[in-house]
Amino acid sequence: ETLNLSGNAIHTLTLDMPTPAHGSKKYSIVDRLLPALKVLS
């Protein structure tokens, strides 16, 4: 429900899937990515 990442040196925070290359298999929707998370710091 809560994930606290404050006070680090994060310059890159990746949540979405990368765009697939042309002609490659499409990425599926990430439907299980932290489904209950309410607070992100």
PDB file of all heavy atoms in Angstrom:
ATOM      1  N   GLU A   1       0.806  -1.221   0.000  1.00  0.00           N
ATOM      2  CA  GLU A   1       0.000   0.000   0.000  1.00  0.00           C
ATOM      3  C   GLU A   1       0.841   1.273   0.000  1.00  0.00           C
ATOM      4  O   GLU A   1       0.417   2.284  -0.565  1.00  0.00           O
ATOM      5  CB  GLU A   1      -0.941   0.007   1.209  1.00  0.00           C
ATOM      6  CG  GLU A   1      -1.995  -1.090   1.168  1.00  0.00           C
ATOM      7  CD  GLU A   1      -2.942  -1.026   2.350  1.00  0.00           C
ATOM      8  OE1 GLU A   1      -2.812  -0.087   3.172  1.00  0.00           O
ATOM      9  OE2 GLU A   1      -3.804  -1.911   2.467  1.00  0.00           O
ATOM     10  N   THR A   2       2.007   1.249   0.647  1.00  0.00           N
ATOM     11  CA  THR A   2       2.860   2.439   0.681  1.00  0.00           C
ATOM     12  C   THR A   2       4.293   2.066   0.318  1.00  0.00           C
ATOM     13  O   THR A   2       4.831   1.069   0.793  1.00  0.00           O
ATOM     14  CB  THR A   2       2.859   3.102   2.075  1.00  0.00           C
ATOM     15  OG1 THR A   2       3.428   2.221   3.041  1.00  0.00           O
ATOM     16  CG2 THR A   2       1.448   3.475   2.494  1.00  0.00           C
ATOM     17  N   LEU A   3       4.898   2.886  -0.539  1.00  0.00           N
ATOM     18  CA  LEU A   3       6.286   2.701  -0.953  1.00  0.00           C
ATOM     19  C   LEU A   3       7.005   4.031  -0.800  1.00  0.00           C
ATOM     20  O   LEU A   3       6.680   5.004  -1.484  1.00  0.00           O
ATOM     21  CB  LEU A   3       6.360   2.213  -2.400  1.00  0.00           C
ATOM     22  CG  LEU A   3       7.753   2.054  -3.014  1.00  0.00           C
ATOM     23  CD1 LEU A   3       8.597   1.078  -2.200  1.00  0.00           C
ATOM     24  CD2 LEU A   3       7.653   1.590  -4.466  1.00  0.00           C
ATOM     25  N   ASN A   4       7.970   4.083   0.101  1.00  0.00           N
ATOM     26  CA  ASN A   4       8.703   5.318   0.389  1.00  0.00           C
ATOM     27  C   ASN A   4      10.112   5.213  -0.176  1.00  0.00           C
ATOM     28  O   ASN A   4      10.932   4.423   0.306  1.00  0.00           O
ATOM     29  CB  ASN A   4       8.756   5.553   1.905  1.00  0.00           C
ATOM     30  CG  ASN A   4       9.313   6.922   2.258  1.00  0.00           C
ATOM     31  OD1 ASN A   4       9.869   7.625   1.416  1.00  0.00           O
ATOM     32  ND2 ASN A   4       9.170   7.319   3.512  1.00  0.00           N
ATOM     33  N   LEU A   5      10.394   6.013  -1.202  1.00  0.00           N
ATOM     34  CA  LEU A   5      11.705   6.039  -1.857  1.00  0.00           C
ATOM     35  C   LEU A   5      12.374   7.399  -1.695  1.00  0.00           C
ATOM     36  O   LEU A   5      13.317   7.725  -2.408  1.00  0.00           O
ATOM     37  CB  LEU A   5      11.549   5.733  -3.347  1.00  0.00           C
ATOM     38  CG  LEU A   5      10.960   4.366  -3.698  1.00  0.00           C
ATOM     39  CD1 LEU A   5      10.550   4.315  -5.161  1.00  0.00           C
ATOM     40  CD2 LEU A   5      11.962   3.259  -3.383  1.00  0.00           C
ATOM     41  N   SER A   6      11.917   8.195  -0.748  1.00  0.00           N
ATOM     42  CA  SER A   6      12.426   9.553  -0.569  1.00  0.00           C
ATOM     43  C   SER A   6      13.883   9.555  -0.123  1.00  0.00           C
ATOM     44  O   SER A   6      14.356   8.610   0.521  1.00  0.00           O
ATOM     45  CB  SER A   6      11.575  10.295   0.470  1.00  0.00           C
ATOM     46  OG  SER A   6      10.231  10.377   0.059  1.00  0.00           O
ATOM     47  N   GLY A   7      14.584  10.639  -0.489  1.00  0.00           N
ATOM     48  CA  GLY A   7      15.944  10.812  -0.001  1.00  0.00           C
ATOM     49  C   GLY A   7      16.954   9.859  -0.592  1.00  0.00           C
ATOM     50  O   GLY A   7      17.927   9.494   0.062  1.00  0.00           O
ATOM     51  N   ASN A   8      16.738   9.439  -1.837  1.00  0.00           N
ATOM     52  CA  ASN A   8      17.729   8.639  -2.541  1.00  0.00           C
ATOM     53  C   ASN A   8      18.381   9.507  -3.623  1.00  0.00           C
ATOM     54  O   ASN A   8      18.385  10.726  -3.516  1.00  0.00           O
ATOM     55  CB  ASN A   8      17.066   7.403  -3.140  1.00  0.00           C
ATOM     56  CG  ASN A   8      16.886   6.278  -2.129  1.00  0.00           C
ATOM     57  OD1 ASN A   8      17.810   5.530  -1.849  1.00  0.00           O
ATOM     58  ND2 ASN A   8      15.678   6.176  -1.558  1.00  0.00           N
ATOM     59  N   ALA A   9      18.921   8.883  -4.665  1.00  0.00           N
ATOM     60  CA  ALA A   9      19.523   9.631  -5.775  1.00  0.00           C
ATOM     61  C   ALA A   9      18.882   9.207  -7.088  1.00  0.00           C
ATOM     62  O   ALA A   9      19.526   9.154  -8.127  1.00  0.00           O
ATOM     63  CB  ALA A   9      21.027   9.382  -5.815  1.00  0.00           C
ATOM     64  N   ILE A  10      17.591   8.896  -7.026  1.00  0.00           N
ATOM     65  CA  ILE A  10      16.889   8.335  -8.180  1.00  0.00           C
ATOM     66  C   ILE A  10      16.745   9.375  -9.286  1.00  0.00           C
ATOM     67  O   ILE A  10      16.144  10.429  -9.088  1.00  0.00           O
ATOM     68  CB  ILE A  10      15.501   7.816  -7.772  1.00  0.00           C
ATOM     69  CG1 ILE A  10      15.649   6.706  -6.726  1.00  0.00           C
ATOM     70  CG2 ILE A  10      14.739   7.296  -8.990  1.00  0.00           C
ATOM     71  CD1 ILE A  10      14.327   6.250  -6.128  1.00  0.00           C
ATOM     72  N   HIS A  11      17.305   9.068 -10.441  1.00  0.00           N
ATOM     73  CA  HIS A  11      17.113   9.914 -11.617  1.00  0.00           C
ATOM     74  C   HIS A  11      16.239   9.224 -12.651  1.00  0.00           C
ATOM     75  O   HIS A  11      15.707   9.861 -13.556  1.00  0.00           O
ATOM     76  CB  HIS A  11      18.449  10.319 -12.244  1.00  0.00           C
ATOM     77  CG  HIS A  11      19.339   9.161 -12.602  1.00  0.00           C
ATOM     78  ND1 HIS A  11      19.183   8.425 -13.751  1.00  0.00           N
ATOM     79  CD2 HIS A  11      20.395   8.611 -11.939  1.00  0.00           C
ATOM     80  CE1 HIS A  11      20.106   7.464 -13.800  1.00  0.00           C
ATOM     81  NE2 HIS A  11      20.855   7.555 -12.716  1.00  0.00           N
ATOM     82  N   THR A  12      16.087   7.913 -12.520  1.00  0.00           N
ATOM     83  CA  THR A  12      15.237   7.152 -13.427  1.00  0.00           C
ATOM     84  C   THR A  12      14.348   6.218 -12.625  1.00  0.00           C
ATOM     85  O   THR A  12      14.840   5.365 -11.895  1.00  0.00           O
ATOM     86  CB  THR A  12      16.073   6.315 -14.415  1.00  0.00           C
ATOM     87  OG1 THR A  12      16.925   7.189 -15.158  1.00  0.00           O
ATOM     88  CG2 THR A  12      15.170   5.560 -15.380  1.00  0.00           C
ATOM     89  N   LEU A  13      13.041   6.401 -12.758  1.00  0.00           N
ATOM     90  CA  LEU A  13      12.062   5.523 -12.122  1.00  0.00           C
ATOM     91  C   LEU A  13      11.151   4.999 -13.216  1.00  0.00           C
ATOM     92  O   LEU A  13      10.355   5.744 -13.792  1.00  0.00           O
ATOM     93  CB  LEU A  13      11.264   6.272 -11.055  1.00  0.00           C
ATOM     94  CG  LEU A  13      10.158   5.480 -10.345  1.00  0.00           C
ATOM     95  CD1 LEU A  13      10.744   4.262  -9.642  1.00  0.00           C
ATOM     96  CD2 LEU A  13       9.428   6.364  -9.345  1.00  0.00           C
ATOM     97  N   THR A  14      11.264   3.716 -13.518  1.00  0.00           N
ATOM     98  CA  THR A  14      10.543   3.120 -14.631  1.00  0.00           C
ATOM     99  C   THR A  14       9.323   2.362 -14.138  1.00  0.00           C
ATOM    100  O   THR A  14       9.441   1.453 -13.325  1.00  0.00           O
ATOM    101  CB  THR A  14      11.455   2.151 -15.418  1.00  0.00           C
ATOM    102  OG1 THR A  14      12.623   2.852 -15.846  1.00  0.00           O
ATOM    103  CG2 THR A  14      10.732   1.594 -16.626  1.00  0.00           C
ATOM    104  N   LEU A  15       8.159   2.758 -14.653  1.00  0.00           N
ATOM    105  CA  LEU A  15       6.913   2.076 -14.325  1.00  0.00           C
ATOM    106  C   LEU A  15       6.267   1.441 -15.538  1.00  0.00           C
ATOM    107  O   LEU A  15       5.632   0.396 -15.431  1.00  0.00           O
ATOM    108  CB  LEU A  15       5.922   3.061 -13.695  1.00  0.00           C
ATOM    109  CG  LEU A  15       6.334   3.644 -12.353  1.00  0.00           C
ATOM    110  CD1 LEU A  15       6.402   5.146 -12.432  1.00  0.00           C
ATOM    111  CD2 LEU A  15       5.378   3.222 -11.266  1.00  0.00           C
ATOM    112  N   ASP A  16       6.394   2.098 -16.689  1.00  0.00           N
ATOM    113  CA  ASP A  16       5.748   1.567 -17.885  1.00  0.00           C
ATOM    114  C   ASP A  16       6.690   0.659 -18.652  1.00  0.00           C
ATOM    115  O   ASP A  16       7.909   0.736 -18.531  1.00  0.00           O
ATOM    116  CB  ASP A  16       5.239   2.693 -18.788  1.00  0.00           C
ATOM    117  CG  ASP A  16       6.345   3.656 -19.194  1.00  0.00           C
ATOM    118  OD1 ASP A  16       7.438   3.580 -18.597  1.00  0.00           O
ATOM    119  OD2 ASP A  16       6.108   4.470 -20.090  1.00  0.00           O
ATOM    120  N   MET A  17       6.098  -0.229 -19.439  1.00  0.00           N
ATOM    121  CA  MET A  17       6.887  -1.148 -20.249  1.00  0.00           C
ATOM    122  C   MET A  17       7.507  -0.403 -21.425  1.00  0.00           C
ATOM    123  O   MET A  17       6.925   0.553 -21.932  1.00  0.00           O
ATOM    124  CB  MET A  17       5.992  -2.277 -20.783  1.00  0.00           C
ATOM    125  CG  MET A  17       5.415  -3.156 -19.690  1.00  0.00           C
ATOM    126  SD  MET A  17       6.689  -4.052 -18.772  1.00  0.00           S
ATOM    127  CE  MET A  17       7.083  -5.332 -19.954  1.00  0.00           C
ATOM    128  N   PRO A  18       8.702  -0.792 -21.866  1.00  0.00           N
ATOM    129  CA  PRO A  18       9.319  -0.133 -23.017  1.00  0.00           C
ATOM    130  C   PRO A  18       8.522  -0.364 -24.291  1.00  0.00           C
ATOM    131  O   PRO A  18       7.812  -1.351 -24.420  1.00  0.00           O
ATOM    132  CB  PRO A  18      10.704  -0.806 -23.096  1.00  0.00           C
ATOM    133  CG  PRO A  18      10.520  -2.125 -22.421  1.00  0.00           C
ATOM    134  CD  PRO A  18       9.519  -1.890 -21.332  1.00  0.00           C
ATOM    135  N   THR A  19       8.639   0.559 -25.216  1.00  0.00           N
ATOM    136  CA  THR A  19       7.946   0.426 -26.497  1.00  0.00           C
ATOM    137  C   THR A  19       8.596  -0.681 -27.328  1.00  0.00           C
ATOM    138  O   THR A  19       9.814  -0.678 -27.524  1.00  0.00           O
ATOM    139  CB  THR A  19       8.014   1.747 -27.284  1.00  0.00           C
ATOM    140  OG1 THR A  19       7.451   2.777 -26.478  1.00  0.00           O
ATOM    141  CG2 THR A  19       7.243   1.626 -28.588  1.00  0.00           C
ATOM    142  N   PRO A  20       7.827  -1.655 -27.794  1.00  0.00           N
ATOM    143  CA  PRO A  20       8.429  -2.758 -28.554  1.00  0.00           C
ATOM    144  C   PRO A  20       8.975  -2.276 -29.894  1.00  0.00           C
ATOM    145  O   PRO A  20       8.463  -1.330 -30.484  1.00  0.00           O
ATOM    146  CB  PRO A  20       7.241  -3.708 -28.766  1.00  0.00           C
ATOM    147  CG  PRO A  20       6.033  -2.833 -28.671  1.00  0.00           C
ATOM    148  CD  PRO A  20       6.374  -1.768 -27.669  1.00  0.00           C
ATOM    149  N   ALA A  21      10.018  -2.912 -30.355  1.00  0.00           N
ATOM    150  CA  ALA A  21      10.606  -2.572 -31.645  1.00  0.00           C
ATOM    151  C   ALA A  21       9.638  -2.927 -32.772  1.00  0.00           C
ATOM    152  O   ALA A  21       8.773  -3.794 -32.622  1.00  0.00           O
ATOM    153  CB  ALA A  21      11.932  -3.309 -31.825  1.00  0.00           C
ATOM    154  N   HIS A  22       9.807  -2.257 -33.893  1.00  0.00           N
ATOM    155  CA  HIS A  22       8.929  -2.489 -35.034  1.00  0.00           C
ATOM    156  C   HIS A  22       8.994  -3.948 -35.480  1.00  0.00           C
ATOM    157  O   HIS A  22      10.063  -4.511 -35.705  1.00  0.00           O
ATOM    158  CB  HIS A  22       9.333  -1.579 -36.196  1.00  0.00           C
ATOM    159  CG  HIS A  22       8.455  -1.745 -37.411  1.00  0.00           C
ATOM    160  ND1 HIS A  22       7.148  -1.334 -37.427  1.00  0.00           N
ATOM    161  CD2 HIS A  22       8.710  -2.290 -38.632  1.00  0.00           C
ATOM    162  CE1 HIS A  22       6.624  -1.608 -38.607  1.00  0.00           C
ATOM    163  NE2 HIS A  22       7.557  -2.192 -39.357  1.00  0.00           N
ATOM    164  N   GLY A  23       7.825  -4.564 -35.574  1.00  0.00           N
ATOM    165  CA  GLY A  23       7.767  -5.943 -36.035  1.00  0.00           C
ATOM    166  C   GLY A  23       7.904  -6.972 -34.937  1.00  0.00           C
ATOM    167  O   GLY A  23       7.734  -8.162 -35.172  1.00  0.00           O
ATOM    168  N   SER A  24       8.200  -6.531 -33.715  1.00  0.00           N
ATOM    169  CA  SER A  24       8.365  -7.500 -32.626  1.00  0.00           C
ATOM    170  C   SER A  24       7.038  -7.720 -31.920  1.00  0.00           C
ATOM    171  O   SER A  24       6.060  -7.002 -32.127  1.00  0.00           O
ATOM    172  CB  SER A  24       9.411  -7.000 -31.632  1.00  0.00           C
ATOM    173  OG  SER A  24       8.962  -5.813 -31.001  1.00  0.00           O
ATOM    174  N   LYS A  25       7.010  -8.685 -31.047  1.00  0.00           N
ATOM    175  CA  LYS A  25       5.800  -8.997 -30.303  1.00  0.00           C
ATOM    176  C   LYS A  25       5.457  -7.855 -29.353  1.00  0.00           C
ATOM    177  O   LYS A  25       6.311  -7.316 -28.671  1.00  0.00           O
ATOM    178  CB  LYS A  25       6.004 -10.291 -29.509  1.00  0.00           C
ATOM    179  CG  LYS A  25       4.753 -10.770 -28.786  1.00  0.00           C
ATOM    180  CD  LYS A  25       5.028 -12.086 -28.065  1.00  0.00           C
ATOM    181  CE  LYS A  25       3.777 -12.543 -27.322  1.00  0.00           C
ATOM    182  NZ  LYS A  25       4.011 -13.822 -26.612  1.00  0.00           N
ATOM    183  N   LYS A  26       4.198  -7.481 -29.324  1.00  0.00           N
ATOM    184  CA  LYS A  26       3.782  -6.377 -28.474  1.00  0.00           C
ATOM    185  C   LYS A  26       3.844  -6.775 -26.994  1.00  0.00           C
ATOM    186  O   LYS A  26       3.599  -7.911 -26.630  1.00  0.00           O
ATOM    187  CB  LYS A  26       2.356  -5.950 -28.827  1.00  0.00           C
ATOM    188  CG  LYS A  26       2.223  -5.314 -30.204  1.00  0.00           C
ATOM    189  CD  LYS A  26       0.790  -4.867 -30.429  1.00  0.00           C
ATOM    190  CE  LYS A  26       0.669  -4.203 -31.798  1.00  0.00           C
ATOM    191  NZ  LYS A  26      -0.723  -3.756 -32.041  1.00  0.00           N
ATOM    192  N   TYR A  27       4.154  -5.788 -26.182  1.00  0.00           N
ATOM    193  CA  TYR A  27       4.149  -6.023 -24.749  1.00  0.00           C
ATOM    194  C   TYR A  27       2.708  -6.009 -24.236  1.00  0.00           C
ATOM    195  O   TYR A  27       1.888  -5.204 -24.653  1.00  0.00           O
ATOM    196  CB  TYR A  27       4.956  -4.934 -24.015  1.00  0.00           C
ATOM    197  CG  TYR A  27       6.434  -5.013 -24.257  1.00  0.00           C
ATOM    198  CD1 TYR A  27       7.052  -4.168 -25.178  1.00  0.00           C
ATOM    199  CD2 TYR A  27       7.214  -5.930 -23.576  1.00  0.00           C
ATOM    200  CE1 TYR A  27       8.408  -4.234 -25.410  1.00  0.00           C
ATOM    201  CE2 TYR A  27       8.575  -6.001 -23.795  1.00  0.00           C
ATOM    202  CZ  TYR A  27       9.172  -5.149 -24.711  1.00  0.00           C
ATOM    203  OH  TYR A  27      10.510  -5.221 -24.929  1.00  0.00           O
ATOM    204  N   SER A  28       2.439  -6.913 -23.311  1.00  0.00           N
ATOM    205  CA  SER A  28       1.106  -6.944 -22.714  1.00  0.00           C
ATOM    206  C   SER A  28       0.992  -5.888 -21.630  1.00  0.00           C
ATOM    207  O   SER A  28       1.982  -5.417 -21.073  1.00  0.00           O
ATOM    208  CB  SER A  28       0.838  -8.325 -22.104  1.00  0.00           C
ATOM    209  OG  SER A  28       1.793  -8.615 -21.095  1.00  0.00           O
ATOM    210  N   ILE A  29      -0.227  -5.499 -21.298  1.00  0.00           N
ATOM    211  CA  ILE A  29      -0.456  -4.510 -20.260  1.00  0.00           C
ATOM    212  C   ILE A  29      -0.053  -5.089 -18.905  1.00  0.00           C
ATOM    213  O   ILE A  29      -0.369  -6.229 -18.566  1.00  0.00           O
ATOM    214  CB  ILE A  29      -1.943  -4.099 -20.235  1.00  0.00           C
ATOM    215  CG1 ILE A  29      -2.321  -3.433 -21.565  1.00  0.00           C
ATOM    216  CG2 ILE A  29      -2.231  -3.168 -19.065  1.00  0.00           C
ATOM    217  CD1 ILE A  29      -3.780  -3.113 -21.683  1.00  0.00           C
ATOM    218  N   VAL A  30       0.640  -4.292 -18.116  1.00  0.00           N
ATOM    219  CA  VAL A  30       1.097  -4.759 -16.809  1.00  0.00           C
ATOM    220  C   VAL A  30      -0.062  -4.609 -15.824  1.00  0.00           C
ATOM    221  O   VAL A  30      -0.222  -3.587 -15.170  1.00  0.00           O
ATOM    222  CB  VAL A  30       2.314  -3.936 -16.326  1.00  0.00           C
ATOM    223  CG1 VAL A  30       2.876  -4.531 -15.041  1.00  0.00           C
ATOM    224  CG2 VAL A  30       3.384  -3.915 -17.394  1.00  0.00           C
ATOM    225  N   ASP A  31      -0.890  -5.648 -15.727  1.00  0.00           N
ATOM    226  CA  ASP A  31      -2.079  -5.548 -14.897  1.00  0.00           C
ATOM    227  C   ASP A  31      -1.811  -5.982 -13.459  1.00  0.00           C
ATOM    228  O   ASP A  31      -2.709  -5.895 -12.615  1.00  0.00           O
ATOM    229  CB  ASP A  31      -3.214  -6.383 -15.490  1.00  0.00           C
ATOM    230  CG  ASP A  31      -2.829  -7.844 -15.690  1.00  0.00           C
ATOM    231  OD1 ASP A  31      -1.662  -8.182 -15.432  1.00  0.00           O
ATOM    232  OD2 ASP A  31      -3.700  -8.631 -16.095  1.00  0.00           O
ATOM    233  N   ARG A  32      -0.584  -6.426 -13.167  1.00  0.00           N
ATOM    234  CA  ARG A  32      -0.268  -6.847 -11.807  1.00  0.00           C
ATOM    235  C   ARG A  32       0.770  -5.939 -11.166  1.00  0.00           C
ATOM    236  O   ARG A  32       1.396  -6.301 -10.183  1.00  0.00           O
ATOM    237  CB  ARG A  32       0.236  -8.290 -11.803  1.00  0.00           C
ATOM    238  CG  ARG A  32      -0.793  -9.319 -12.225  1.00  0.00           C
ATOM    239  CD  ARG A  32      -0.237 -10.720 -12.105  1.00  0.00           C
ATOM    240  NE  ARG A  32       0.174 -11.018 -10.742  1.00  0.00           N
ATOM    241  CZ  ARG A  32       1.077 -11.943 -10.416  1.00  0.00           C
ATOM    242  NH1 ARG A  32       1.697 -12.616 -11.376  1.00  0.00           N
ATOM    243  NH2 ARG A  32       1.390 -12.176  -9.162  1.00  0.00           N
ATOM    244  N   LEU A  33       0.963  -4.752 -11.703  1.00  0.00           N
ATOM    245  CA  LEU A  33       1.970  -3.848 -11.172  1.00  0.00           C
ATOM    246  C   LEU A  33       1.429  -3.125  -9.937  1.00  0.00           C
ATOM    247  O   LEU A  33       0.645  -2.195 -10.050  1.00  0.00           O
ATOM    248  CB  LEU A  33       2.379  -2.832 -12.245  1.00  0.00           C
ATOM    249  CG  LEU A  33       3.412  -1.779 -11.815  1.00  0.00           C
ATOM    250  CD1 LEU A  33       4.710  -2.442 -11.368  1.00  0.00           C
ATOM    251  CD2 LEU A  33       3.684  -0.793 -12.932  1.00  0.00           C
ATOM    252  N   LEU A  34       1.828  -3.617  -8.767  1.00  0.00           N
ATOM    253  CA  LEU A  34       1.467  -2.988  -7.494  1.00  0.00           C
ATOM    254  C   LEU A  34      -0.013  -2.595  -7.458  1.00  0.00           C
ATOM    255  O   LEU A  34      -0.351  -1.414  -7.310  1.00  0.00           O
ATOM    256  CB  LEU A  34       2.358  -1.763  -7.259  1.00  0.00           C
ATOM    257  CG  LEU A  34       3.867  -2.024  -7.284  1.00  0.00           C
ATOM    258  CD1 LEU A  34       4.635  -0.716  -7.147  1.00  0.00           C
ATOM    259  CD2 LEU A  34       4.271  -2.994  -6.192  1.00  0.00           C
ATOM    260  N   PRO A  35      -0.909  -3.555  -7.551  1.00  0.00           N
ATOM    261  CA  PRO A  35      -2.344  -3.249  -7.693  1.00  0.00           C
ATOM    262  C   PRO A  35      -2.975  -2.577  -6.477  1.00  0.00           C
ATOM    263  O   PRO A  35      -4.039  -1.969  -6.596  1.00  0.00           O
ATOM    264  CB  PRO A  35      -2.971  -4.631  -7.941  1.00  0.00           C
ATOM    265  CG  PRO A  35      -2.015  -5.595  -7.316  1.00  0.00           C
ATOM    266  CD  PRO A  35      -0.651  -5.007  -7.542  1.00  0.00           C
ATOM    267  N   ALA A  36      -2.335  -2.671  -5.304  1.00  0.00           N
ATOM    268  CA  ALA A  36      -2.908  -2.088  -4.083  1.00  0.00           C
ATOM    269  C   ALA A  36      -2.195  -0.816  -3.643  1.00  0.00           C
ATOM    270  O   ALA A  36      -2.565  -0.231  -2.621  1.00  0.00           O
ATOM    271  CB  ALA A  36      -2.882  -3.121  -2.949  1.00  0.00           C
ATOM    272  N   LEU A  37      -1.171  -0.372  -4.393  1.00  0.00           N
ATOM    273  CA  LEU A  37      -0.369   0.770  -3.954  1.00  0.00           C
ATOM    274  C   LEU A  37      -1.187   2.052  -3.927  1.00  0.00           C
ATOM    275  O   LEU A  37      -1.748   2.472  -4.925  1.00  0.00           O
ATOM    276  CB  LEU A  37       0.844   0.960  -4.866  1.00  0.00           C
ATOM    277  CG  LEU A  37       1.891   1.962  -4.344  1.00  0.00           C
ATOM    278  CD1 LEU A  37       2.611   1.389  -3.126  1.00  0.00           C
ATOM    279  CD2 LEU A  37       2.896   2.318  -5.415  1.00  0.00           C
ATOM    280  N   LYS A  38      -1.230   2.702  -2.740  1.00  0.00           N
ATOM    281  CA  LYS A  38      -1.990   3.933  -2.561  1.00  0.00           C
ATOM    282  C   LYS A  38      -1.089   5.163  -2.435  1.00  0.00           C
ATOM    283  O   LYS A  38      -1.482   6.251  -2.845  1.00  0.00           O
ATOM    284  CB  LYS A  38      -2.877   3.825  -1.320  1.00  0.00           C
ATOM    285  CG  LYS A  38      -3.957   2.765  -1.428  1.00  0.00           C
ATOM    286  CD  LYS A  38      -4.782   2.704  -0.152  1.00  0.00           C
ATOM    287  CE  LYS A  38      -5.869   1.644  -0.260  1.00  0.00           C
ATOM    288  NZ  LYS A  38      -6.668   1.560   1.004  1.00  0.00           N
ATOM    289  N   VAL A  39       0.093   4.981  -1.840  1.00  0.00           N
ATOM    290  CA  VAL A  39       0.977   6.125  -1.586  1.00  0.00           C
ATOM    291  C   VAL A  39       2.368   5.830  -2.145  1.00  0.00           C
ATOM    292  O   VAL A  39       2.992   4.832  -1.789  1.00  0.00           O
ATOM    293  CB  VAL A  39       1.089   6.424  -0.076  1.00  0.00           C
ATOM    294  CG1 VAL A  39       2.017   7.613   0.155  1.00  0.00           C
ATOM    295  CG2 VAL A  39      -0.290   6.688   0.528  1.00  0.00           C
ATOM    296  N   LEU A  40       2.845   6.721  -3.038  1.00  0.00           N
ATOM    297  CA  LEU A  40       4.194   6.627  -3.592  1.00  0.00           C
ATOM    298  C   LEU A  40       4.946   7.908  -3.252  1.00  0.00           C
ATOM    299  O   LEU A  40       4.522   9.003  -3.615  1.00  0.00           O
ATOM    300  CB  LEU A  40       4.138   6.443  -5.107  1.00  0.00           C
ATOM    301  CG  LEU A  40       5.480   6.442  -5.847  1.00  0.00           C
ATOM    302  CD1 LEU A  40       6.352   5.283  -5.399  1.00  0.00           C
ATOM    303  CD2 LEU A  40       5.266   6.403  -7.359  1.00  0.00           C
ATOM    304  N   SER A  41       6.065   7.766  -2.543  1.00  0.00           N
ATOM    305  CA  SER A  41       6.867   8.929  -2.147  1.00  0.00           C
ATOM    306  C   SER A  41       8.239   8.847  -2.796  1.00  0.00           C
ATOM    307  O   SER A  41       8.989   7.897  -2.555  1.00  0.00           O
ATOM    308  CB  SER A  41       7.027   8.981  -0.620  1.00  0.00           C
ATOM    309  OG  SER A  41       5.775   9.141   0.012  1.00  0.00           O
TER     310      SER A  41
END
